[in-house]
Amino acid sequence: MVKLSVSRNSVYTEGAMMPATPPSDTPDTPQCCDVRDGLALHDSLLAIGAVNSLIGTLTSRTLMFAELEVLLTADTSGDLETHRQLVVDENVCAKNSSSTRLKTFRHLRELYALDENVPLFRIWKQLWSAAPAERPLLALVLAATREPLLRATAPVIINALPGAIITPGDLETAVETVLPGNYRAATQARLGRNCASAWAQSGHLSGKLTKRRAKAIAGPATVSLALLLGYLGEARGLALFETLWVQLLDIGSVQIDQFAFAASSRGWIDYRRIGDVVDVGFSAWMPYIEK
């Protein structure tokens, strides 16, 4: 087993290692608002590109999966400046105005980093390229590491029975419970709608007007990412199967095991299991994490 070694109390921002103080996009969100303890991620996750600061991207945008897929189809380099040029200068996402193009790039970057100098994005991008069928769920998992509002609404989705109706109001309530008084009524209503759309884009919800709980499409790539995130959050052994990241995958322990072995055969992770003894390593990704 390879021991992870990452610096603490720092995150990757603008391609460099520095304290996390991302700008706010909404007037009723403080510029640097620490989330409640229940949403805060481990320092080891912050060190590779996750975010605890409440930027509030979902108050104005959704998961933006269509734009993300268009951008990463147009360019596979993972270079931040190339991504900016494609979205802002070349208008690859087909937005109507220059201001909308700038906002699109900013929000995509908030959710996904879009920079191979950020270790989490670099790892994620390999999985994105290798597993097209899992892309909606891969997008959701990465965005959830960088947008606390997705983490705040995740219990509503995870705990819903198949076919259960999920309303924007349910998601508004979840955010208000964790972050009471943080948003004005109009912003909160928009947030509920945007969160519902985000969870639909990931495959967790279906339906245009009435949204019902559906089953997202997971596989070896999403399981690899979820296990890595859990490991960096200090989960070990069978506890790796119980983290938020794994719960987002909509699969049980048998499928997790099967997909983990498949991921190991592809060289993404090192996975061994004998009975209840689970041994997971990430030697393929250590050069990125420890860089």
C-alpha atoms as a PDB file:
ATOM      1  CA  MET A   1       0.000   0.000   0.000  1.00  0.00           C
ATOM      2  CA  VAL A   2       1.346   3.398  -0.945  1.00  0.00           C
ATOM      3  CA  LYS A   3       0.980   6.079   1.700  1.00  0.00           C
ATOM      4  CA  LEU A   4      -0.459   9.337   0.428  1.00  0.00           C
ATOM      5  CA  SER A   5       1.576  12.434   1.123  1.00  0.00           C
ATOM      6  CA  VAL A   6      -0.065  15.792   0.497  1.00  0.00           C
ATOM      7  CA  SER A   7       0.348  19.164   2.113  1.00  0.00           C
ATOM      8  CA  ARG A   8      -2.439  20.345   4.398  1.00  0.00           C
ATOM      9  CA  ASN A   9      -4.428  23.572   4.731  1.00  0.00           C
ATOM     10  CA  SER A  10      -4.061  24.477   1.062  1.00  0.00           C
ATOM     11  CA  VAL A  11      -5.783  23.978  -2.260  1.00  0.00           C
ATOM     12  CA  TYR A  12      -4.937  24.376  -5.906  1.00  0.00           C
ATOM     13  CA  THR A  13      -6.179  27.699  -7.267  1.00  0.00           C
ATOM     14  CA  GLU A  14      -5.263  29.277 -10.620  1.00  0.00           C
ATOM     15  CA  GLY A  15      -2.876  26.368 -11.132  1.00  0.00           C
ATOM     16  CA  ALA A  16      -0.842  27.220  -8.025  1.00  0.00           C
ATOM     17  CA  MET A  17      -0.840  26.117  -4.401  1.00  0.00           C
ATOM     18  CA  MET A  18      -2.316  28.833  -2.152  1.00  0.00           C
ATOM     19  CA  PRO A  19      -4.951  29.378   0.561  1.00  0.00           C
ATOM     20  CA  ALA A  20      -8.509  28.988  -0.680  1.00  0.00           C
ATOM     21  CA  THR A  21     -10.312  32.316  -1.117  1.00  0.00           C
ATOM     22  CA  PRO A  22     -12.395  31.910  -4.276  1.00  0.00           C
ATOM     23  CA  PRO A  23     -14.549  34.855  -5.338  1.00  0.00           C
ATOM     24  CA  SER A  24     -18.277  34.969  -4.805  1.00  0.00           C
ATOM     25  CA  ASP A  25     -20.716  35.132  -7.708  1.00  0.00           C
ATOM     26  CA  THR A  26     -23.841  35.988  -5.741  1.00  0.00           C
ATOM     27  CA  PRO A  27     -24.507  39.164  -3.797  1.00  0.00           C
ATOM     28  CA  ASP A  28     -25.947  37.344  -0.801  1.00  0.00           C
ATOM     29  CA  THR A  29     -23.033  34.926  -0.406  1.00  0.00           C
ATOM     30  CA  PRO A  30     -20.043  36.107   1.657  1.00  0.00           C
ATOM     31  CA  GLN A  31     -16.795  36.223  -0.316  1.00  0.00           C
ATOM     32  CA  CYS A  32     -15.146  33.574   1.847  1.00  0.00           C
ATOM     33  CA  CYS A  33     -17.836  31.635   3.616  1.00  0.00           C
ATOM     34  CA  ASP A  34     -16.714  28.477   5.379  1.00  0.00           C
ATOM     35  CA  VAL A  35     -19.293  25.719   5.170  1.00  0.00           C
ATOM     36  CA  ARG A  36     -20.663  23.966   8.216  1.00  0.00           C
ATOM     37  CA  ASP A  37     -18.675  21.051   9.584  1.00  0.00           C
ATOM     38  CA  GLY A  38     -21.028  18.540   7.989  1.00  0.00           C
ATOM     39  CA  LEU A  39     -20.059  19.732   4.510  1.00  0.00           C
ATOM     40  CA  ALA A  40     -16.356  20.401   5.095  1.00  0.00           C
ATOM     41  CA  LEU A  41     -13.895  18.094   3.348  1.00  0.00           C
ATOM     42  CA  HIS A  42     -10.606  16.743   4.661  1.00  0.00           C
ATOM     43  CA  ASP A  43      -7.464  18.815   4.103  1.00  0.00           C
ATOM     44  CA  SER A  44      -6.004  16.045   1.931  1.00  0.00           C
ATOM     45  CA  LEU A  45      -8.878  16.527  -0.504  1.00  0.00           C
ATOM     46  CA  LEU A  46      -8.435  20.289  -0.488  1.00  0.00           C
ATOM     47  CA  ALA A  47      -4.773  19.793  -1.300  1.00  0.00           C
ATOM     48  CA  ILE A  48      -5.574  18.117  -4.624  1.00  0.00           C
ATOM     49  CA  GLY A  49      -8.316  20.494  -5.765  1.00  0.00           C
ATOM     50  CA  ALA A  50     -11.485  20.070  -3.683  1.00  0.00           C
ATOM     51  CA  VAL A  51     -13.139  23.175  -2.241  1.00  0.00           C
ATOM     52  CA  ASN A  52     -14.764  24.020   1.088  1.00  0.00           C
ATOM     53  CA  SER A  53     -15.461  27.710   0.493  1.00  0.00           C
ATOM     54  CA  LEU A  54     -19.060  28.416  -0.430  1.00  0.00           C
ATOM     55  CA  ILE A  55     -18.858  30.003  -3.875  1.00  0.00           C
ATOM     56  CA  GLY A  56     -22.493  29.259  -4.692  1.00  0.00           C
ATOM     57  CA  THR A  57     -22.205  28.326  -8.358  1.00  0.00           C
ATOM     58  CA  LEU A  58     -25.541  26.513  -8.229  1.00  0.00           C
ATOM     59  CA  THR A  59     -27.359  29.687  -7.286  1.00  0.00           C
ATOM     60  CA  SER A  60     -26.958  30.786 -10.904  1.00  0.00           C
ATOM     61  CA  ARG A  61     -26.051  27.665 -12.911  1.00  0.00           C
ATOM     62  CA  THR A  62     -26.672  23.917 -12.974  1.00  0.00           C
ATOM     63  CA  LEU A  63     -24.196  21.062 -13.463  1.00  0.00           C
ATOM     64  CA  MET A  64     -23.496  22.452 -16.960  1.00  0.00           C
ATOM     65  CA  PHE A  65     -22.879  18.951 -18.275  1.00  0.00           C
ATOM     66  CA  ALA A  66     -23.665  19.818 -21.904  1.00  0.00           C
ATOM     67  CA  GLU A  67     -21.154  22.688 -21.909  1.00  0.00           C
ATOM     68  CA  LEU A  68     -18.542  20.550 -20.171  1.00  0.00           C
ATOM     69  CA  GLU A  69     -18.878  17.758 -22.726  1.00  0.00           C
ATOM     70  CA  VAL A  70     -18.673  20.172 -25.657  1.00  0.00           C
ATOM     71  CA  LEU A  71     -15.553  21.805 -24.217  1.00  0.00           C
ATOM     72  CA  LEU A  72     -13.704  18.583 -23.432  1.00  0.00           C
ATOM     73  CA  THR A  73     -14.608  17.167 -26.839  1.00  0.00           C
ATOM     74  CA  ALA A  74     -13.138  20.251 -28.508  1.00  0.00           C
ATOM     75  CA  ASP A  75      -9.916  20.052 -26.498  1.00  0.00           C
ATOM     76  CA  THR A  76      -8.327  17.103 -24.750  1.00  0.00           C
ATOM     77  CA  SER A  77      -5.164  18.845 -23.553  1.00  0.00           C
ATOM     78  CA  GLY A  78      -6.441  19.845 -20.128  1.00  0.00           C
ATOM     79  CA  ASP A  79      -4.787  23.247 -20.495  1.00  0.00           C
ATOM     80  CA  LEU A  80      -6.610  26.016 -18.638  1.00  0.00           C
ATOM     81  CA  GLU A  81      -5.780  28.791 -21.101  1.00  0.00           C
ATOM     82  CA  THR A  82      -6.842  26.645 -24.051  1.00  0.00           C
ATOM     83  CA  HIS A  83     -10.135  25.983 -22.324  1.00  0.00           C
ATOM     84  CA  ARG A  84     -10.598  29.704 -21.739  1.00  0.00           C
ATOM     85  CA  GLN A  85      -9.911  30.515 -25.373  1.00  0.00           C
ATOM     86  CA  LEU A  86     -12.372  27.900 -26.583  1.00  0.00           C
ATOM     87  CA  VAL A  87     -15.191  29.089 -24.334  1.00  0.00           C
ATOM     88  CA  VAL A  88     -14.581  32.848 -24.379  1.00  0.00           C
ATOM     89  CA  ASP A  89     -12.864  33.603 -27.694  1.00  0.00           C
ATOM     90  CA  GLU A  90     -14.124  30.833 -29.963  1.00  0.00           C
ATOM     91  CA  ASN A  91     -17.524  30.438 -28.298  1.00  0.00           C
ATOM     92  CA  VAL A  92     -17.456  26.655 -28.521  1.00  0.00           C
ATOM     93  CA  CYS A  93     -20.412  26.482 -26.112  1.00  0.00           C
ATOM     94  CA  ALA A  94     -22.514  28.700 -28.421  1.00  0.00           C
ATOM     95  CA  LYS A  95     -23.439  31.448 -25.980  1.00  0.00           C
ATOM     96  CA  ASN A  96     -25.174  34.622 -27.145  1.00  0.00           C
ATOM     97  CA  SER A  97     -22.937  37.300 -25.641  1.00  0.00           C
ATOM     98  CA  SER A  98     -19.375  37.891 -24.491  1.00  0.00           C
ATOM     99  CA  SER A  99     -20.518  38.352 -20.898  1.00  0.00           C
ATOM    100  CA  THR A 100     -22.331  35.012 -20.977  1.00  0.00           C
ATOM    101  CA  ARG A 101     -19.231  33.347 -22.400  1.00  0.00           C
ATOM    102  CA  LEU A 102     -17.126  34.773 -19.572  1.00  0.00           C
ATOM    103  CA  LYS A 103     -19.633  33.603 -16.982  1.00  0.00           C
ATOM    104  CA  THR A 104     -19.802  30.162 -18.593  1.00  0.00           C
ATOM    105  CA  PHE A 105     -16.060  29.742 -18.359  1.00  0.00           C
ATOM    106  CA  ARG A 106     -15.957  31.000 -14.790  1.00  0.00           C
ATOM    107  CA  HIS A 107     -18.699  28.671 -13.620  1.00  0.00           C
ATOM    108  CA  LEU A 108     -17.243  25.668 -15.448  1.00  0.00           C
ATOM    109  CA  ARG A 109     -13.934  26.365 -13.802  1.00  0.00           C
ATOM    110  CA  GLU A 110     -15.560  26.674 -10.379  1.00  0.00           C
ATOM    111  CA  LEU A 111     -17.208  23.277 -10.781  1.00  0.00           C
ATOM    112  CA  TYR A 112     -14.479  21.352 -12.590  1.00  0.00           C
ATOM    113  CA  ALA A 113     -11.151  23.274 -12.280  1.00  0.00           C
ATOM    114  CA  LEU A 114     -10.349  22.673 -16.001  1.00  0.00           C
ATOM    115  CA  ASP A 115      -6.643  22.711 -15.265  1.00  0.00           C
ATOM    116  CA  GLU A 116      -4.296  19.721 -15.387  1.00  0.00           C
ATOM    117  CA  ASN A 117      -2.107  21.445 -12.807  1.00  0.00           C
ATOM    118  CA  VAL A 118      -4.901  20.612 -10.366  1.00  0.00           C
ATOM    119  CA  PRO A 119      -4.256  16.943  -9.451  1.00  0.00           C
ATOM    120  CA  LEU A 120      -7.919  16.062  -8.965  1.00  0.00           C
ATOM    121  CA  PHE A 121      -8.867  17.320 -12.422  1.00  0.00           C
ATOM    122  CA  ARG A 122      -5.904  15.555 -14.020  1.00  0.00           C
ATOM    123  CA  ILE A 123      -6.929  12.220 -12.507  1.00  0.00           C
ATOM    124  CA  TRP A 124     -10.594  12.804 -13.260  1.00  0.00           C
ATOM    125  CA  LYS A 125      -9.896  13.695 -16.880  1.00  0.00           C
ATOM    126  CA  GLN A 126      -8.220  10.325 -17.493  1.00  0.00           C
ATOM    127  CA  LEU A 127     -11.350   8.600 -16.232  1.00  0.00           C
ATOM    128  CA  TRP A 128     -13.610  10.920 -18.248  1.00  0.00           C
ATOM    129  CA  SER A 129     -11.749  10.039 -21.441  1.00  0.00           C
ATOM    130  CA  ALA A 130     -11.853   6.302 -20.736  1.00  0.00           C
ATOM    131  CA  ALA A 131     -15.490   5.933 -19.665  1.00  0.00           C
ATOM    132  CA  PRO A 132     -17.994   7.869 -21.839  1.00  0.00           C
ATOM    133  CA  ALA A 133     -21.020   6.103 -20.358  1.00  0.00           C
ATOM    134  CA  GLU A 134     -20.044   7.236 -16.867  1.00  0.00           C
ATOM    135  CA  ARG A 135     -19.460  10.879 -17.741  1.00  0.00           C
ATOM    136  CA  PRO A 136     -22.646  12.332 -16.192  1.00  0.00           C
ATOM    137  CA  LEU A 137     -21.849  10.677 -12.873  1.00  0.00           C
ATOM    138  CA  LEU A 138     -18.152  11.546 -13.106  1.00  0.00           C
ATOM    139  CA  ALA A 139     -19.160  15.185 -13.611  1.00  0.00           C
ATOM    140  CA  LEU A 140     -21.417  15.089 -10.574  1.00  0.00           C
ATOM    141  CA  VAL A 141     -18.784  13.552  -8.302  1.00  0.00           C
ATOM    142  CA  LEU A 142     -16.118  16.070  -9.311  1.00  0.00           C
ATOM    143  CA  ALA A 143     -18.543  18.982  -8.979  1.00  0.00           C
ATOM    144  CA  ALA A 144     -19.571  17.742  -5.533  1.00  0.00           C
ATOM    145  CA  THR A 145     -15.963  18.014  -4.362  1.00  0.00           C
ATOM    146  CA  ARG A 146     -15.949  21.682  -5.397  1.00  0.00           C
ATOM    147  CA  GLU A 147     -19.527  22.870  -4.763  1.00  0.00           C
ATOM    148  CA  PRO A 148     -20.705  22.469  -1.140  1.00  0.00           C
ATOM    149  CA  LEU A 149     -24.313  23.065  -2.207  1.00  0.00           C
ATOM    150  CA  LEU A 150     -24.287  19.727  -4.013  1.00  0.00           C
ATOM    151  CA  ARG A 151     -23.038  18.079  -0.849  1.00  0.00           C
ATOM    152  CA  ALA A 152     -25.790  19.815   1.122  1.00  0.00           C
ATOM    153  CA  THR A 153     -28.508  18.393  -1.132  1.00  0.00           C
ATOM    154  CA  ALA A 154     -26.972  14.923  -1.547  1.00  0.00           C
ATOM    155  CA  PRO A 155     -28.809  13.314   1.424  1.00  0.00           C
ATOM    156  CA  VAL A 156     -32.181  14.101  -0.199  1.00  0.00           C
ATOM    157  CA  ILE A 157     -31.108  12.199  -3.300  1.00  0.00           C
ATOM    158  CA  ILE A 158     -29.273   9.361  -1.569  1.00  0.00           C
ATOM    159  CA  ASN A 159     -32.126   8.610   0.852  1.00  0.00           C
ATOM    160  CA  ALA A 160     -34.950   8.766  -1.725  1.00  0.00           C
ATOM    161  CA  LEU A 161     -36.549   5.523  -2.816  1.00  0.00           C
ATOM    162  CA  PRO A 162     -36.605   4.631  -6.536  1.00  0.00           C
ATOM    163  CA  GLY A 163     -39.402   6.522  -8.233  1.00  0.00           C
ATOM    164  CA  ALA A 164     -39.893   8.969  -5.360  1.00  0.00           C
ATOM    165  CA  ILE A 165     -40.782  12.528  -6.379  1.00  0.00           C
ATOM    166  CA  ILE A 166     -38.069  15.070  -5.573  1.00  0.00           C
ATOM    167  CA  THR A 167     -39.080  18.728  -5.762  1.00  0.00           C
ATOM    168  CA  PRO A 168     -36.940  21.867  -5.871  1.00  0.00           C
ATOM    169  CA  GLY A 169     -38.478  22.677  -2.508  1.00  0.00           C
ATOM    170  CA  ASP A 170     -36.996  19.503  -1.028  1.00  0.00           C
ATOM    171  CA  LEU A 171     -33.548  20.619  -2.137  1.00  0.00           C
ATOM    172  CA  GLU A 172     -34.106  24.193  -0.927  1.00  0.00           C
ATOM    173  CA  THR A 173     -35.001  22.818   2.497  1.00  0.00           C
ATOM    174  CA  ALA A 174     -31.878  20.695   2.595  1.00  0.00           C
ATOM    175  CA  VAL A 175     -29.691  23.743   1.951  1.00  0.00           C
ATOM    176  CA  GLU A 176     -31.578  25.886   4.451  1.00  0.00           C
ATOM    177  CA  THR A 177     -31.155  23.178   7.100  1.00  0.00           C
ATOM    178  CA  VAL A 178     -27.379  23.175   6.727  1.00  0.00           C
ATOM    179  CA  LEU A 179     -26.934  26.864   5.879  1.00  0.00           C
ATOM    180  CA  PRO A 180     -29.825  28.656   7.613  1.00  0.00           C
ATOM    181  CA  GLY A 181     -30.418  32.220   6.488  1.00  0.00           C
ATOM    182  CA  ASN A 182     -27.638  32.159   3.928  1.00  0.00           C
ATOM    183  CA  TYR A 183     -29.813  33.020   0.919  1.00  0.00           C
ATOM    184  CA  ARG A 184     -32.688  35.341   0.119  1.00  0.00           C
ATOM    185  CA  ALA A 185     -35.981  33.738  -0.857  1.00  0.00           C
ATOM    186  CA  ALA A 186     -35.573  34.384  -4.585  1.00  0.00           C
ATOM    187  CA  THR A 187     -32.028  32.998  -4.601  1.00  0.00           C
ATOM    188  CA  GLN A 188     -33.125  29.979  -2.596  1.00  0.00           C
ATOM    189  CA  ALA A 189     -35.908  29.187  -5.072  1.00  0.00           C
ATOM    190  CA  ARG A 190     -33.499  29.439  -8.006  1.00  0.00           C
ATOM    191  CA  LEU A 191     -31.024  27.268  -6.129  1.00  0.00           C
ATOM    192  CA  GLY A 192     -33.651  24.566  -5.636  1.00  0.00           C
ATOM    193  CA  ARG A 193     -34.439  24.514  -9.362  1.00  0.00           C
ATOM    194  CA  ASN A 194     -30.777  24.484 -10.358  1.00  0.00           C
ATOM    195  CA  CYS A 195     -29.983  21.667  -7.942  1.00  0.00           C
ATOM    196  CA  ALA A 196     -32.880  19.620  -9.303  1.00  0.00           C
ATOM    197  CA  SER A 197     -31.533  20.137 -12.809  1.00  0.00           C
ATOM    198  CA  ALA A 198     -28.014  19.203 -11.711  1.00  0.00           C
ATOM    199  CA  TRP A 199     -29.149  15.920 -10.168  1.00  0.00           C
ATOM    200  CA  ALA A 200     -31.173  15.192 -13.328  1.00  0.00           C
ATOM    201  CA  GLN A 201     -28.121  15.787 -15.535  1.00  0.00           C
ATOM    202  CA  SER A 202     -26.130  13.300 -13.453  1.00  0.00           C
ATOM    203  CA  GLY A 203     -28.819  10.632 -13.890  1.00  0.00           C
ATOM    204  CA  HIS A 204     -30.083  10.625 -10.299  1.00  0.00           C
ATOM    205  CA  LEU A 205     -33.421  12.179 -11.265  1.00  0.00           C
ATOM    206  CA  SER A 206     -35.609  11.769 -14.343  1.00  0.00           C
ATOM    207  CA  GLY A 207     -38.593  13.656 -15.733  1.00  0.00           C
ATOM    208  CA  LYS A 208     -38.979  17.151 -17.155  1.00  0.00           C
ATOM    209  CA  LEU A 209     -41.611  18.735 -14.935  1.00  0.00           C
ATOM    210  CA  THR A 210     -42.030  16.165 -12.177  1.00  0.00           C
ATOM    211  CA  LYS A 211     -38.667  14.730 -11.219  1.00  0.00           C
ATOM    212  CA  ARG A 212     -38.467  11.236  -9.786  1.00  0.00           C
ATOM    213  CA  ARG A 213     -35.586   9.338  -8.289  1.00  0.00           C
ATOM    214  CA  ALA A 214     -33.762   7.352 -10.955  1.00  0.00           C
ATOM    215  CA  LYS A 215     -30.546   5.344 -11.028  1.00  0.00           C
ATOM    216  CA  ALA A 216     -27.289   6.933 -12.136  1.00  0.00           C
ATOM    217  CA  ILE A 217     -24.876   4.952 -14.330  1.00  0.00           C
ATOM    218  CA  ALA A 218     -21.753   3.913 -12.438  1.00  0.00           C
ATOM    219  CA  GLY A 219     -18.821   1.741 -13.434  1.00  0.00           C
ATOM    220  CA  PRO A 220     -15.111   1.143 -12.837  1.00  0.00           C
ATOM    221  CA  ALA A 221     -14.172   4.775 -13.474  1.00  0.00           C
ATOM    222  CA  THR A 222     -16.613   6.300 -10.998  1.00  0.00           C
ATOM    223  CA  VAL A 223     -15.801   3.641  -8.411  1.00  0.00           C
ATOM    224  CA  SER A 224     -12.086   4.414  -8.802  1.00  0.00           C
ATOM    225  CA  LEU A 225     -12.706   8.106  -8.225  1.00  0.00           C
ATOM    226  CA  ALA A 226     -15.038   7.520  -5.276  1.00  0.00           C
ATOM    227  CA  LEU A 227     -12.560   5.192  -3.565  1.00  0.00           C
ATOM    228  CA  LEU A 228      -9.743   7.687  -4.033  1.00  0.00           C
ATOM    229  CA  LEU A 229     -11.807  10.500  -2.545  1.00  0.00           C
ATOM    230  CA  GLY A 230     -12.813   8.304   0.371  1.00  0.00           C
ATOM    231  CA  TYR A 231      -9.227   7.243   0.975  1.00  0.00           C
ATOM    232  CA  LEU A 232      -8.044  10.842   1.005  1.00  0.00           C
ATOM    233  CA  GLY A 233     -10.824  11.507   3.504  1.00  0.00           C
ATOM    234  CA  GLU A 234      -9.159   8.891   5.745  1.00  0.00           C
ATOM    235  CA  ALA A 235     -11.650   6.061   5.199  1.00  0.00           C
ATOM    236  CA  ARG A 236     -10.048   2.626   5.210  1.00  0.00           C
ATOM    237  CA  GLY A 237     -11.172  -0.954   4.645  1.00  0.00           C
ATOM    238  CA  LEU A 238     -14.894  -1.542   4.305  1.00  0.00           C
ATOM    239  CA  ALA A 239     -15.513   2.047   5.442  1.00  0.00           C
ATOM    240  CA  LEU A 240     -14.473   3.038   1.924  1.00  0.00           C
ATOM    241  CA  PHE A 241     -17.768   1.543   0.741  1.00  0.00           C
ATOM    242  CA  GLU A 242     -19.788   3.875   2.992  1.00  0.00           C
ATOM    243  CA  THR A 243     -18.479   7.337   2.105  1.00  0.00           C
ATOM    244  CA  LEU A 244     -20.543  10.077   0.505  1.00  0.00           C
ATOM    245  CA  TRP A 245     -18.664   9.554  -2.747  1.00  0.00           C
ATOM    246  CA  VAL A 246     -19.611   5.886  -2.980  1.00  0.00           C
ATOM    247  CA  GLN A 247     -23.201   6.584  -1.939  1.00  0.00           C
ATOM    248  CA  LEU A 248     -23.479   8.947  -4.899  1.00  0.00           C
ATOM    249  CA  LEU A 249     -22.873   6.007  -7.256  1.00  0.00           C
ATOM    250  CA  ASP A 250     -26.235   4.285  -6.689  1.00  0.00           C
ATOM    251  CA  ILE A 251     -24.717   0.805  -6.418  1.00  0.00           C
ATOM    252  CA  GLY A 252     -24.426  -1.809  -3.690  1.00  0.00           C
ATOM    253  CA  SER A 253     -21.373  -3.439  -2.161  1.00  0.00           C
ATOM    254  CA  VAL A 254     -21.331  -6.345  -4.632  1.00  0.00           C
ATOM    255  CA  GLN A 255     -21.178  -4.022  -7.633  1.00  0.00           C
ATOM    256  CA  ILE A 256     -18.624  -1.796  -5.916  1.00  0.00           C
ATOM    257  CA  ASP A 257     -16.450  -4.849  -5.466  1.00  0.00           C
ATOM    258  CA  GLN A 258     -16.895  -5.936  -9.086  1.00  0.00           C
ATOM    259  CA  PHE A 259     -16.165  -2.496 -10.487  1.00  0.00           C
ATOM    260  CA  ALA A 260     -13.163  -2.071  -8.189  1.00  0.00           C
ATOM    261  CA  PHE A 261     -11.633  -5.299  -9.485  1.00  0.00           C
ATOM    262  CA  ALA A 262     -12.336  -4.132 -13.050  1.00  0.00           C
ATOM    263  CA  ALA A 263     -10.655  -0.801 -12.285  1.00  0.00           C
ATOM    264  CA  SER A 264      -7.678  -2.639 -10.859  1.00  0.00           C
ATOM    265  CA  SER A 265      -7.339  -4.696 -14.032  1.00  0.00           C
ATOM    266  CA  ARG A 266      -7.196  -1.447 -16.017  1.00  0.00           C
ATOM    267  CA  GLY A 267      -4.435  -0.092 -13.820  1.00  0.00           C
ATOM    268  CA  TRP A 268      -6.444   2.758 -12.298  1.00  0.00           C
ATOM    269  CA  ILE A 269      -6.282   1.481  -8.723  1.00  0.00           C
ATOM    270  CA  ASP A 270      -4.679  -1.346  -6.757  1.00  0.00           C
ATOM    271  CA  TYR A 271      -7.474  -3.450  -5.298  1.00  0.00           C
ATOM    272  CA  ARG A 272      -7.373  -6.617  -3.258  1.00  0.00           C
ATOM    273  CA  ARG A 273     -10.034  -8.193  -1.097  1.00  0.00           C
ATOM    274  CA  ILE A 274     -10.208 -11.327   1.036  1.00  0.00           C
ATOM    275  CA  GLY A 275     -13.482 -11.608   2.891  1.00  0.00           C
ATOM    276  CA  ASP A 276     -13.976  -8.412   4.874  1.00  0.00           C
ATOM    277  CA  VAL A 277     -10.363  -7.335   4.444  1.00  0.00           C
ATOM    278  CA  VAL A 278     -10.143  -4.655   1.755  1.00  0.00           C
ATOM    279  CA  ASP A 279      -6.822  -3.254   0.563  1.00  0.00           C
ATOM    280  CA  VAL A 280      -6.870  -0.282  -1.825  1.00  0.00           C
ATOM    281  CA  GLY A 281      -3.914   1.620  -3.246  1.00  0.00           C
ATOM    282  CA  PHE A 282      -3.451   4.340  -5.844  1.00  0.00           C
ATOM    283  CA  SER A 283       0.072   3.893  -7.179  1.00  0.00           C
ATOM    284  CA  ALA A 284      -0.945   5.018 -10.696  1.00  0.00           C
ATOM    285  CA  TRP A 285      -2.009   8.425  -9.365  1.00  0.00           C
ATOM    286  CA  MET A 286       0.720   9.055  -6.795  1.00  0.00           C
ATOM    287  CA  PRO A 287       2.853  11.119  -9.234  1.00  0.00           C
ATOM    288  CA  TYR A 288      -0.039  13.579  -9.579  1.00  0.00           C
ATOM    289  CA  ILE A 289      -0.987  13.673  -5.900  1.00  0.00           C
ATOM    290  CA  GLU A 290       2.528  14.007  -4.556  1.00  0.00           C
ATOM    291  CA  LYS A 291       3.765  16.435  -7.218  1.00  0.00           C
END
